[in-house]
C-alpha atoms as a PDB file:
ATOM      1  CA  MET A   1      23.173 -12.633  11.240  1.00  0.00           C
ATOM      2  CA  ALA A   2      21.565 -11.640  14.500  1.00  0.00           C
ATOM      3  CA  ASP A   3      19.227  -9.269  12.578  1.00  0.00           C
ATOM      4  CA  ARG A   4      17.765 -12.143  10.568  1.00  0.00           C
ATOM      5  CA  LYS A   5      16.894 -14.114  13.669  1.00  0.00           C
ATOM      6  CA  SER A   6      15.232 -11.148  15.334  1.00  0.00           C
ATOM      7  CA  ARG A   7      12.922 -10.427  12.400  1.00  0.00           C
ATOM      8  CA  PRO A   8       9.348 -11.566  12.703  1.00  0.00           C
ATOM      9  CA  ARG A   9       8.330 -14.571  10.640  1.00  0.00           C
ATOM     10  CA  LYS A  10       6.853 -13.681   7.238  1.00  0.00           C
ATOM     11  CA  PRO A  11       3.319 -15.024   6.885  1.00  0.00           C
ATOM     12  CA  SER A  12       2.925 -17.776   4.342  1.00  0.00           C
ATOM     13  CA  LEU A  13       0.956 -17.284   1.097  1.00  0.00           C
ATOM     14  CA  ARG A  14      -1.912 -19.296   2.608  1.00  0.00           C
ATOM     15  CA  GLU A  15      -1.977 -17.040   5.694  1.00  0.00           C
ATOM     16  CA  ARG A  16      -1.888 -13.890   3.592  1.00  0.00           C
ATOM     17  CA  MET A  17      -4.695 -15.146   1.355  1.00  0.00           C
ATOM     18  CA  ALA A  18      -6.755 -16.109   4.361  1.00  0.00           C
ATOM     19  CA  GLU A  19      -6.336 -12.644   5.807  1.00  0.00           C
ATOM     20  CA  ARG A  20      -7.401 -11.074   2.522  1.00  0.00           C
ATOM     21  CA  GLY A  21     -10.428 -13.354   2.478  1.00  0.00           C
ATOM     22  CA  ARG A  22     -11.323 -12.335   6.038  1.00  0.00           C
ATOM     23  CA  ASP A  23     -10.899  -8.654   5.056  1.00  0.00           C
ATOM     24  CA  ALA A  24     -13.146  -9.115   1.975  1.00  0.00           C
ATOM     25  CA  ARG A  25     -15.818 -10.957   4.014  1.00  0.00           C
ATOM     26  CA  HIS A  26     -15.648  -8.246   6.700  1.00  0.00           C
ATOM     27  CA  LEU A  27     -16.044  -5.496   4.031  1.00  0.00           C
ATOM     28  CA  GLY A  28     -19.002  -7.350   2.505  1.00  0.00           C
ATOM     29  CA  ASN A  29     -20.672  -7.676   5.894  1.00  0.00           C
ATOM     30  CA  THR A  30     -20.006  -4.012   6.651  1.00  0.00           C
ATOM     31  CA  LEU A  31     -21.440  -2.975   3.259  1.00  0.00           C
ATOM     32  CA  ARG A  32     -24.557  -5.084   3.915  1.00  0.00           C
ATOM     33  CA  ASN A  33     -25.136  -4.214   7.544  1.00  0.00           C
ATOM     34  CA  GLU A  34     -23.618  -0.726   8.016  1.00  0.00           C
ATOM     35  CA  PRO A  35     -22.761   0.941   4.643  1.00  0.00           C
ATOM     36  CA  LYS A  36     -21.821   4.236   6.271  1.00  0.00           C
ATOM     37  CA  ALA A  37     -18.940   2.509   8.065  1.00  0.00           C
ATOM     38  CA  LEU A  38     -17.425   1.145   4.832  1.00  0.00           C
ATOM     39  CA  PRO A  39     -14.969   4.084   4.143  1.00  0.00           C
ATOM     40  CA  HIS A  40     -13.566   3.687   7.695  1.00  0.00           C
ATOM     41  CA  GLU A  41     -13.155  -0.067   7.272  1.00  0.00           C
ATOM     42  CA  VAL A  42     -11.474   0.319   3.869  1.00  0.00           C
ATOM     43  CA  GLY A  43      -9.172   2.960   5.409  1.00  0.00           C
ATOM     44  CA  GLY A  44      -8.116   0.380   8.058  1.00  0.00           C
ATOM     45  CA  ILE A  45      -7.279  -2.178   5.405  1.00  0.00           C
ATOM     46  CA  VAL A  46      -5.323   0.414   3.408  1.00  0.00           C
ATOM     47  CA  ARG A  47      -3.456   1.455   6.570  1.00  0.00           C
ATOM     48  CA  ARG A  48      -2.468  -2.169   7.299  1.00  0.00           C
ATOM     49  CA  SER A  49      -1.291  -2.555   3.724  1.00  0.00           C
ATOM     50  CA  LEU A  50       0.762   0.634   3.969  1.00  0.00           C
ATOM     51  CA  LYS A  51       2.257  -0.635   7.255  1.00  0.00           C
ATOM     52  CA  ARG A  52       3.355  -3.845   5.529  1.00  0.00           C
ATOM     53  CA  VAL A  53       5.089  -1.821   2.795  1.00  0.00           C
ATOM     54  CA  TRP A  54       6.553   0.467   5.436  1.00  0.00           C
ATOM     55  CA  ASP A  55       7.999  -2.501   7.331  1.00  0.00           C
ATOM     56  CA  ALA A  56       9.231  -4.260   4.211  1.00  0.00           C
ATOM     57  CA  ARG A  57      10.979  -1.152   2.825  1.00  0.00           C
ATOM     58  CA  GLY A  58      12.714  -0.182   6.073  1.00  0.00           C
ATOM     59  CA  GLY A  59      10.241   2.357   7.450  1.00  0.00           C
ATOM     60  CA  GLY A  60      11.645   5.594   6.157  1.00  0.00           C
ATOM     61  CA  LEU A  61      11.605   8.060   3.314  1.00  0.00           C
ATOM     62  CA  TYR A  62      12.351   5.245   0.860  1.00  0.00           C
ATOM     63  CA  ALA A  63       9.106   3.450   1.912  1.00  0.00           C
ATOM     64  CA  VAL A  64       7.080   6.630   1.593  1.00  0.00           C
ATOM     65  CA  GLY A  65       8.623   7.408  -1.794  1.00  0.00           C
ATOM     66  CA  PHE A  66       7.908   3.885  -2.974  1.00  0.00           C
ATOM     67  CA  VAL A  67       4.243   4.073  -1.942  1.00  0.00           C
ATOM     68  CA  VAL A  68       3.736   7.594  -3.370  1.00  0.00           C
ATOM     69  CA  VAL A  69       5.321   6.749  -6.725  1.00  0.00           C
ATOM     70  CA  PHE A  70       3.529   3.431  -7.002  1.00  0.00           C
ATOM     71  CA  VAL A  71       0.078   4.865  -6.178  1.00  0.00           C
ATOM     72  CA  TYR A  72       0.708   7.800  -8.572  1.00  0.00           C
ATOM     73  CA  LEU A  73       1.725   5.428 -11.451  1.00  0.00           C
ATOM     74  CA  GLU A  74      -1.175   3.067 -10.855  1.00  0.00           C
ATOM     75  CA  THR A  75      -3.734   5.876 -10.531  1.00  0.00           C
ATOM     76  CA  THR A  76      -2.375   7.549 -13.709  1.00  0.00           C
ATOM     77  CA  MET A  77      -2.643   4.276 -15.585  1.00  0.00           C
ATOM     78  CA  PHE A  78      -6.240   3.642 -14.345  1.00  0.00           C
ATOM     79  CA  PHE A  79      -7.512   7.137 -15.158  1.00  0.00           C
ATOM     80  CA  GLY A  80      -5.758   6.994 -18.538  1.00  0.00           C
ATOM     81  CA  ASP A  81      -7.718   3.896 -19.352  1.00  0.00           C
ATOM     82  CA  ILE A  82     -10.960   5.564 -18.240  1.00  0.00           C
ATOM     83  CA  ALA A  83     -10.240   8.540 -20.529  1.00  0.00           C
ATOM     84  CA  GLU A  84      -9.522   6.221 -23.478  1.00  0.00           C
ATOM     85  CA  ALA A  85     -12.750   4.246 -23.040  1.00  0.00           C
ATOM     86  CA  GLU A  86     -15.620   5.027 -25.376  1.00  0.00           C
ATOM     87  CA  SER A  87     -18.311   3.905 -22.930  1.00  0.00           C
ATOM     88  CA  VAL A  88     -18.783   2.456 -19.489  1.00  0.00           C
ATOM     89  CA  THR A  89     -19.494  -0.990 -20.986  1.00  0.00           C
ATOM     90  CA  GLY A  90     -16.446  -0.696 -23.216  1.00  0.00           C
ATOM     91  CA  PHE A  91     -14.350   0.216 -20.173  1.00  0.00           C
ATOM     92  CA  ILE A  92     -15.562  -2.706 -18.104  1.00  0.00           C
ATOM     93  CA  THR A  93     -15.175  -5.289 -20.892  1.00  0.00           C
ATOM     94  CA  GLY A  94     -11.802  -3.859 -21.813  1.00  0.00           C
ATOM     95  CA  GLN A  95     -10.624  -4.131 -18.178  1.00  0.00           C
ATOM     96  CA  ILE A  96     -11.711  -7.746 -17.902  1.00  0.00           C
ATOM     97  CA  GLY A  97      -9.810  -8.613 -21.080  1.00  0.00           C
ATOM     98  CA  GLU A  98      -6.689  -6.668 -20.169  1.00  0.00           C
ATOM     99  CA  LEU A  99      -6.609  -7.534 -16.480  1.00  0.00           C
ATOM    100  CA  LEU A 100      -4.268 -10.459 -16.735  1.00  0.00           C
ATOM    101  CA  PHE A 101      -1.956  -9.152 -19.424  1.00  0.00           C
ATOM    102  CA  LYS A 102      -1.829  -5.398 -19.540  1.00  0.00           C
ATOM    103  CA  TYR A 103      -2.311  -4.607 -15.836  1.00  0.00           C
ATOM    104  CA  LEU A 104      -0.052  -7.358 -14.592  1.00  0.00           C
ATOM    105  CA  GLY A 105       2.741  -6.231 -16.901  1.00  0.00           C
ATOM    106  CA  GLU A 106       2.241  -2.524 -16.176  1.00  0.00           C
ATOM    107  CA  SER A 107       1.999  -3.145 -12.440  1.00  0.00           C
ATOM    108  CA  ILE A 108       5.282  -4.994 -12.511  1.00  0.00           C
ATOM    109  CA  ARG A 109       6.859  -2.140 -14.429  1.00  0.00           C
ATOM    110  CA  ASN A 110       5.324   0.400 -12.027  1.00  0.00           C
ATOM    111  CA  THR A 111       6.729  -1.600  -9.082  1.00  0.00           C
ATOM    112  CA  ILE A 112      10.202  -1.521 -10.569  1.00  0.00           C
ATOM    113  CA  THR A 113       9.900   2.193 -11.297  1.00  0.00           C
ATOM    114  CA  ALA A 114       8.748   2.775  -7.705  1.00  0.00           C
ATOM    115  CA  PHE A 115      11.701   0.852  -6.381  1.00  0.00           C
ATOM    116  CA  LEU A 116      14.038   3.165  -8.284  1.00  0.00           C
ATOM    117  CA  TRP A 117      12.380   6.464  -7.306  1.00  0.00           C
ATOM    118  CA  PRO A 118      15.518   7.996  -5.702  1.00  0.00           C
ATOM    119  CA  VAL A 119      17.385   7.579  -9.012  1.00  0.00           C
ATOM    120  CA  HIS A 120      14.660   9.525 -10.836  1.00  0.00           C
ATOM    121  CA  VAL A 121      14.894  12.318  -8.249  1.00  0.00           C
ATOM    122  CA  ILE A 122      18.657  12.566  -8.728  1.00  0.00           C
ATOM    123  CA  GLN A 123      18.284  12.524 -12.528  1.00  0.00           C
ATOM    124  CA  ILE A 124      15.999  15.550 -12.530  1.00  0.00           C
ATOM    125  CA  ASN A 125      18.989  17.809 -11.916  1.00  0.00           C
ATOM    126  CA  PRO A 126      22.030  15.749 -10.896  1.00  0.00           C
ATOM    127  CA  PRO A 127      23.809  17.948  -8.344  1.00  0.00           C
ATOM    128  CA  TRP A 128      20.672  19.535  -6.957  1.00  0.00           C
ATOM    129  CA  GLY A 129      18.622  16.341  -7.134  1.00  0.00           C
ATOM    130  CA  PHE A 130      21.165  14.572  -4.995  1.00  0.00           C
ATOM    131  CA  ALA A 131      21.224  17.454  -2.489  1.00  0.00           C
ATOM    132  CA  ALA A 132      17.440  17.556  -2.371  1.00  0.00           C
ATOM    133  CA  LEU A 133      17.304  13.819  -1.771  1.00  0.00           C
ATOM    134  CA  ALA A 134      19.840  13.972   1.032  1.00  0.00           C
ATOM    135  CA  GLY A 135      17.990  16.908   2.617  1.00  0.00           C
ATOM    136  CA  ALA A 136      14.701  15.058   2.314  1.00  0.00           C
ATOM    137  CA  PHE A 137      16.169  12.035   4.105  1.00  0.00           C
ATOM    138  CA  VAL A 138      17.344  14.237   6.993  1.00  0.00           C
ATOM    139  CA  LEU A 139      14.137  16.303   7.232  1.00  0.00           C
ATOM    140  CA  PHE A 140      11.919  13.269   6.913  1.00  0.00           C
ATOM    141  CA  ASP A 141      13.692  11.490   9.743  1.00  0.00           C
ATOM    142  CA  ARG A 142      13.462  14.560  11.953  1.00  0.00           C
ATOM    143  CA  PHE A 143       9.929  15.769  11.281  1.00  0.00           C
ATOM    144  CA  LEU A 144       7.674  13.132   9.628  1.00  0.00           C
ATOM    145  CA  LYS A 145       8.830   9.602  10.478  1.00  0.00           C
ATOM    146  CA  GLY A 146       7.524   9.617  14.052  1.00  0.00           C
ATOM    147  CA  LYS A 147       4.105  10.901  12.985  1.00  0.00           C
ATOM    148  CA  ILE A 148       3.752   8.308  10.277  1.00  0.00           C
ATOM    149  CA  GLU A 149       4.808   5.511  12.571  1.00  0.00           C
ATOM    150  CA  SER A 150       2.375   6.573  15.303  1.00  0.00           C
ATOM    151  CA  TRP A 151      -0.447   6.700  12.707  1.00  0.00           C
ATOM    152  CA  LEU A 152       0.429   3.219  11.447  1.00  0.00           C
ATOM    153  CA  ILE A 153       0.853   1.792  14.922  1.00  0.00           C
ATOM    154  CA  SER A 154      -2.454   3.211  16.149  1.00  0.00           C
ATOM    155  CA  ASP A 155      -4.224   0.902  13.682  1.00  0.00           C
ATOM    156  CA  ASP A 156      -2.346  -2.118  15.096  1.00  0.00           C
ATOM    157  CA  ARG A 157      -3.615  -1.276  18.546  1.00  0.00           C
ATOM    158  CA  ALA A 158      -7.199  -0.930  17.268  1.00  0.00           C
ATOM    159  CA  ARG A 159      -6.926  -4.176  15.299  1.00  0.00           C
ATOM    160  CA  ASP A 160      -5.490  -6.042  18.297  1.00  0.00           C
ATOM    161  CA  SER A 161      -8.437  -4.980  20.428  1.00  0.00           C
ATOM    162  CA  LEU A 162     -10.865  -5.999  17.653  1.00  0.00           C
ATOM    163  CA  GLY A 163      -8.936  -9.194  17.002  1.00  0.00           C
ATOM    164  CA  ASN A 164      -9.290 -10.222  20.674  1.00  0.00           C
ATOM    165  CA  THR A 165     -13.056  -9.581  20.494  1.00  0.00           C
ATOM    166  CA  ASP A 166     -13.342 -11.639  17.291  1.00  0.00           C
ATOM    167  CA  GLN A 167     -11.404 -14.530  18.819  1.00  0.00           C
ATOM    168  CA  GLU A 168     -13.566 -14.460  21.958  1.00  0.00           C
ATOM    169  CA  LYS A 169     -16.736 -14.643  19.835  1.00  0.00           C
ATOM    170  CA  SER A 170     -15.480 -17.507  17.658  1.00  0.00           C
ATOM    171  CA  GLY A 171     -13.917 -19.475  20.568  1.00  0.00           C
END
């Protein structure tokens, strides 16, 4: 019970949508005023998104596995659709039509598959898959977790310093 009280408050849907709107506006301004800085700005948004997943999934190998599997499945689906398209126009019109139905359904399926990634690792070769997964959890904790956390946290520090500047300008 004490763990629930110590967790930070989850932002409301309105707050999350407002943040996404601010990010989109910021990217638009960056694209218009300083196009060369756009990849860096997109990287910051991706890093913040990865940090949210990291925090939500417990910040360990499970979180990394979830992100890797989900990105792999989504990328495979996207490039498969590009390969099936007959033309650029056909691809774009097909994506608009399928956006709500096909991608939403496939993204939900990909999310569920990503949640279950350890099961798939074990099923590859049951005794060795389990041993490999256990070894990965130990090695990840020892060698990679700290590096990933410091990379994710460094963005928080940069954003905090930018956030203070933005608040001072608007206040």
